[in-house]
């Protein structure tokens, strides 16, 4: 078991090593859509890549989610399989968002032997989601407010 400080240091090393293995600029928050972002997530049992739709306005959030849902077949056939579409996902803080995600289980950020496996998963899945987004962003952004 690591102390809080050791855990923070290890996570920092993890992200530095990831950036060195895959040195590129990710889209992440730069989608040009407020509260619509791509995220990496890793803990001691799994790694995930997310599209988070976090608008406070539920109707607007649903419109964006439904746009992605309409593209689900294309997304899964041409870009990335095994996605989970969650219309209503509750965060630890109680906030409800919409989330589309893919997961790799049985890996741990605390064990360096898994890092390359996690890095490759992150690169493959996030790269695919970004390519999809860049191809279909015009359709996704075409929302009536």
C-alpha atoms as a PDB file:
ATOM      1  CA  UNK A   1       0.000   0.000   0.000  1.00  0.00           C
ATOM      2  CA  UNK A   2       1.333   3.399  -0.960  1.00  0.00           C
ATOM      3  CA  UNK A   3       1.071   6.582   1.065  1.00  0.00           C
ATOM      4  CA  UNK A   4      -0.883   9.452  -0.465  1.00  0.00           C
ATOM      5  CA  UNK A   5       2.361  11.181  -1.464  1.00  0.00           C
ATOM      6  CA  UNK A   6       3.822   7.999  -2.989  1.00  0.00           C
ATOM      7  CA  UNK A   7       0.598   7.428  -4.907  1.00  0.00           C
ATOM      8  CA  UNK A   8       0.674  10.989  -6.297  1.00  0.00           C
ATOM      9  CA  UNK A   9       4.312  10.594  -7.298  1.00  0.00           C
ATOM     10  CA  UNK A  10       3.589   7.273  -9.008  1.00  0.00           C
ATOM     11  CA  UNK A  11       0.638   8.731 -10.935  1.00  0.00           C
ATOM     12  CA  UNK A  12       2.783  11.698 -11.977  1.00  0.00           C
ATOM     13  CA  UNK A  13       5.462   9.288 -13.267  1.00  0.00           C
ATOM     14  CA  UNK A  14       2.765   7.302 -15.066  1.00  0.00           C
ATOM     15  CA  UNK A  15       1.511  10.374 -16.968  1.00  0.00           C
ATOM     16  CA  UNK A  16       5.049  11.572 -17.746  1.00  0.00           C
ATOM     17  CA  UNK A  17       5.947   8.125 -19.118  1.00  0.00           C
ATOM     18  CA  UNK A  18       2.738   8.040 -21.173  1.00  0.00           C
ATOM     19  CA  UNK A  19       3.523  11.461 -22.663  1.00  0.00           C
ATOM     20  CA  UNK A  20       7.033  10.286 -23.528  1.00  0.00           C
ATOM     21  CA  UNK A  21       5.799   7.105 -25.209  1.00  0.00           C
ATOM     22  CA  UNK A  22       3.037   8.911 -27.131  1.00  0.00           C
ATOM     23  CA  UNK A  23       4.157  12.539 -27.501  1.00  0.00           C
ATOM     24  CA  UNK A  24       1.235  14.293 -29.144  1.00  0.00           C
ATOM     25  CA  UNK A  25      -1.446  16.826 -28.398  1.00  0.00           C
ATOM     26  CA  UNK A  26      -4.755  15.182 -27.578  1.00  0.00           C
ATOM     27  CA  UNK A  27      -8.113  16.870 -28.227  1.00  0.00           C
ATOM     28  CA  UNK A  28      -9.385  16.223 -24.648  1.00  0.00           C
ATOM     29  CA  UNK A  29     -11.150  19.474 -23.675  1.00  0.00           C
ATOM     30  CA  UNK A  30     -10.499  21.308 -26.968  1.00  0.00           C
ATOM     31  CA  UNK A  31     -13.683  20.073 -28.688  1.00  0.00           C
ATOM     32  CA  UNK A  32     -15.119  23.588 -29.207  1.00  0.00           C
ATOM     33  CA  UNK A  33     -18.214  22.341 -27.357  1.00  0.00           C
ATOM     34  CA  UNK A  34     -18.594  23.568 -23.779  1.00  0.00           C
ATOM     35  CA  UNK A  35     -18.717  20.664 -21.270  1.00  0.00           C
ATOM     36  CA  UNK A  36     -18.030  18.029 -23.954  1.00  0.00           C
ATOM     37  CA  UNK A  37     -14.655  16.347 -23.465  1.00  0.00           C
ATOM     38  CA  UNK A  38     -12.487  13.297 -23.949  1.00  0.00           C
ATOM     39  CA  UNK A  39     -10.835  11.853 -20.851  1.00  0.00           C
ATOM     40  CA  UNK A  40      -8.322   9.246 -19.780  1.00  0.00           C
ATOM     41  CA  UNK A  41      -9.027   7.440 -16.503  1.00  0.00           C
ATOM     42  CA  UNK A  42      -6.897   4.908 -14.670  1.00  0.00           C
ATOM     43  CA  UNK A  43      -6.988   3.338 -11.208  1.00  0.00           C
ATOM     44  CA  UNK A  44      -5.859   0.145  -9.534  1.00  0.00           C
ATOM     45  CA  UNK A  45      -8.272  -2.205 -11.310  1.00  0.00           C
ATOM     46  CA  UNK A  46      -8.961  -0.680 -14.726  1.00  0.00           C
ATOM     47  CA  UNK A  47      -8.214   1.901 -17.391  1.00  0.00           C
ATOM     48  CA  UNK A  48     -10.897   3.767 -19.343  1.00  0.00           C
ATOM     49  CA  UNK A  49     -11.247   6.257 -22.151  1.00  0.00           C
ATOM     50  CA  UNK A  50     -14.361   8.462 -21.948  1.00  0.00           C
ATOM     51  CA  UNK A  51     -16.397  10.949 -23.876  1.00  0.00           C
ATOM     52  CA  UNK A  52     -18.081  12.971 -21.135  1.00  0.00           C
ATOM     53  CA  UNK A  53     -21.059  15.208 -21.878  1.00  0.00           C
ATOM     54  CA  UNK A  54     -21.488  17.348 -18.767  1.00  0.00           C
ATOM     55  CA  UNK A  55     -23.875  20.180 -19.609  1.00  0.00           C
ATOM     56  CA  UNK A  56     -26.068  21.308 -16.703  1.00  0.00           C
ATOM     57  CA  UNK A  57     -28.924  21.754 -19.175  1.00  0.00           C
ATOM     58  CA  UNK A  58     -30.298  18.200 -19.418  1.00  0.00           C
ATOM     59  CA  UNK A  59     -32.066  18.849 -22.733  1.00  0.00           C
ATOM     60  CA  UNK A  60     -28.842  20.061 -24.327  1.00  0.00           C
ATOM     61  CA  UNK A  61     -26.888  17.146 -22.830  1.00  0.00           C
ATOM     62  CA  UNK A  62     -29.454  14.709 -24.264  1.00  0.00           C
ATOM     63  CA  UNK A  63     -29.219  16.306 -27.713  1.00  0.00           C
ATOM     64  CA  UNK A  64     -25.452  15.746 -27.823  1.00  0.00           C
ATOM     65  CA  UNK A  65     -25.782  12.225 -26.446  1.00  0.00           C
ATOM     66  CA  UNK A  66     -28.449  11.379 -29.023  1.00  0.00           C
ATOM     67  CA  UNK A  67     -26.207  12.717 -31.813  1.00  0.00           C
ATOM     68  CA  UNK A  68     -23.498  10.269 -30.735  1.00  0.00           C
ATOM     69  CA  UNK A  69     -26.043   7.499 -30.312  1.00  0.00           C
ATOM     70  CA  UNK A  70     -27.208   8.113 -33.903  1.00  0.00           C
ATOM     71  CA  UNK A  71     -23.604   7.507 -35.024  1.00  0.00           C
ATOM     72  CA  UNK A  72     -23.148   4.401 -32.831  1.00  0.00           C
ATOM     73  CA  UNK A  73     -23.046   1.894 -35.722  1.00  0.00           C
ATOM     74  CA  UNK A  74     -20.477   3.934 -37.637  1.00  0.00           C
ATOM     75  CA  UNK A  75     -18.455   4.517 -34.486  1.00  0.00           C
ATOM     76  CA  UNK A  76     -18.381   0.815 -33.588  1.00  0.00           C
ATOM     77  CA  UNK A  77     -17.893  -0.538 -37.121  1.00  0.00           C
ATOM     78  CA  UNK A  78     -15.236   1.904 -38.292  1.00  0.00           C
ATOM     79  CA  UNK A  79     -13.479   3.212 -35.197  1.00  0.00           C
ATOM     80  CA  UNK A  80     -13.870   1.405 -31.873  1.00  0.00           C
ATOM     81  CA  UNK A  81     -15.789  -1.602 -30.560  1.00  0.00           C
ATOM     82  CA  UNK A  82     -17.075  -2.453 -27.080  1.00  0.00           C
ATOM     83  CA  UNK A  83     -18.255   1.043 -26.211  1.00  0.00           C
ATOM     84  CA  UNK A  84     -20.695   1.558 -23.369  1.00  0.00           C
ATOM     85  CA  UNK A  85     -23.285   4.299 -23.880  1.00  0.00           C
ATOM     86  CA  UNK A  86     -24.642   5.690 -20.611  1.00  0.00           C
ATOM     87  CA  UNK A  87     -27.367   8.277 -21.032  1.00  0.00           C
ATOM     88  CA  UNK A  88     -27.343   9.040 -17.288  1.00  0.00           C
ATOM     89  CA  UNK A  89     -24.109   8.384 -15.413  1.00  0.00           C
ATOM     90  CA  UNK A  90     -23.835   9.640 -11.842  1.00  0.00           C
ATOM     91  CA  UNK A  91     -20.409  10.893 -10.751  1.00  0.00           C
ATOM     92  CA  UNK A  92     -19.102  10.508  -7.189  1.00  0.00           C
ATOM     93  CA  UNK A  93     -20.088  14.129  -6.499  1.00  0.00           C
ATOM     94  CA  UNK A  94     -23.713  13.348  -7.410  1.00  0.00           C
ATOM     95  CA  UNK A  95     -23.683  15.178 -10.754  1.00  0.00           C
ATOM     96  CA  UNK A  96     -25.418  13.375 -13.620  1.00  0.00           C
ATOM     97  CA  UNK A  97     -23.637  13.373 -16.969  1.00  0.00           C
ATOM     98  CA  UNK A  98     -23.808  11.327 -20.160  1.00  0.00           C
ATOM     99  CA  UNK A  99     -20.786   9.129 -20.806  1.00  0.00           C
ATOM    100  CA  UNK A 100     -19.542   6.936 -23.603  1.00  0.00           C
ATOM    101  CA  UNK A 101     -16.608   4.804 -22.596  1.00  0.00           C
ATOM    102  CA  UNK A 102     -14.465   1.769 -23.206  1.00  0.00           C
ATOM    103  CA  UNK A 103     -12.585  -0.138 -20.515  1.00  0.00           C
ATOM    104  CA  UNK A 104      -9.588  -2.393 -20.062  1.00  0.00           C
ATOM    105  CA  UNK A 105      -9.809  -4.404 -16.873  1.00  0.00           C
ATOM    106  CA  UNK A 106      -7.201  -6.298 -14.870  1.00  0.00           C
ATOM    107  CA  UNK A 107      -4.583  -3.533 -15.048  1.00  0.00           C
ATOM    108  CA  UNK A 108      -3.253  -1.249 -12.345  1.00  0.00           C
ATOM    109  CA  UNK A 109      -1.635   2.156 -12.350  1.00  0.00           C
ATOM    110  CA  UNK A 110       0.192   1.105  -9.165  1.00  0.00           C
ATOM    111  CA  UNK A 111       2.021  -1.716 -10.904  1.00  0.00           C
ATOM    112  CA  UNK A 112       4.546  -0.574 -13.505  1.00  0.00           C
ATOM    113  CA  UNK A 113       4.379  -3.914 -15.321  1.00  0.00           C
ATOM    114  CA  UNK A 114       0.959  -2.838 -16.674  1.00  0.00           C
ATOM    115  CA  UNK A 115       1.954   0.624 -17.791  1.00  0.00           C
ATOM    116  CA  UNK A 116       2.853  -0.210 -21.405  1.00  0.00           C
ATOM    117  CA  UNK A 117      -0.384  -2.167 -21.757  1.00  0.00           C
ATOM    118  CA  UNK A 118      -2.361   0.810 -20.408  1.00  0.00           C
ATOM    119  CA  UNK A 119      -0.425   3.285 -22.584  1.00  0.00           C
ATOM    120  CA  UNK A 120      -1.160   1.239 -25.715  1.00  0.00           C
ATOM    121  CA  UNK A 121      -4.841   0.931 -24.757  1.00  0.00           C
ATOM    122  CA  UNK A 122      -5.070   4.691 -24.134  1.00  0.00           C
ATOM    123  CA  UNK A 123      -3.406   5.512 -27.437  1.00  0.00           C
ATOM    124  CA  UNK A 124      -5.448   3.078 -29.524  1.00  0.00           C
ATOM    125  CA  UNK A 125      -8.841   3.973 -28.048  1.00  0.00           C
ATOM    126  CA  UNK A 126      -8.406   7.727 -27.654  1.00  0.00           C
ATOM    127  CA  UNK A 127      -6.874   8.040 -31.106  1.00  0.00           C
ATOM    128  CA  UNK A 128      -9.883   6.188 -32.580  1.00  0.00           C
ATOM    129  CA  UNK A 129     -12.380   8.374 -30.686  1.00  0.00           C
ATOM    130  CA  UNK A 130     -10.599  11.535 -31.796  1.00  0.00           C
ATOM    131  CA  UNK A 131     -10.488  10.425 -35.440  1.00  0.00           C
ATOM    132  CA  UNK A 132     -14.222   9.712 -35.243  1.00  0.00           C
ATOM    133  CA  UNK A 133     -14.884  13.101 -33.656  1.00  0.00           C
ATOM    134  CA  UNK A 134     -12.792  15.009 -36.186  1.00  0.00           C
ATOM    135  CA  UNK A 135     -14.669  13.317 -39.033  1.00  0.00           C
ATOM    136  CA  UNK A 136     -18.159  13.867 -37.591  1.00  0.00           C
ATOM    137  CA  UNK A 137     -17.791  17.022 -35.489  1.00  0.00           C
ATOM    138  CA  UNK A 138     -19.901  19.081 -37.903  1.00  0.00           C
ATOM    139  CA  UNK A 139     -22.838  16.725 -37.410  1.00  0.00           C
ATOM    140  CA  UNK A 140     -22.270  16.473 -33.656  1.00  0.00           C
ATOM    141  CA  UNK A 141     -22.076  20.267 -33.215  1.00  0.00           C
ATOM    142  CA  UNK A 142     -25.256  20.905 -35.235  1.00  0.00           C
ATOM    143  CA  UNK A 143     -27.541  21.282 -32.197  1.00  0.00           C
ATOM    144  CA  UNK A 144     -30.594  23.495 -31.870  1.00  0.00           C
ATOM    145  CA  UNK A 145     -30.257  25.435 -28.630  1.00  0.00           C
END
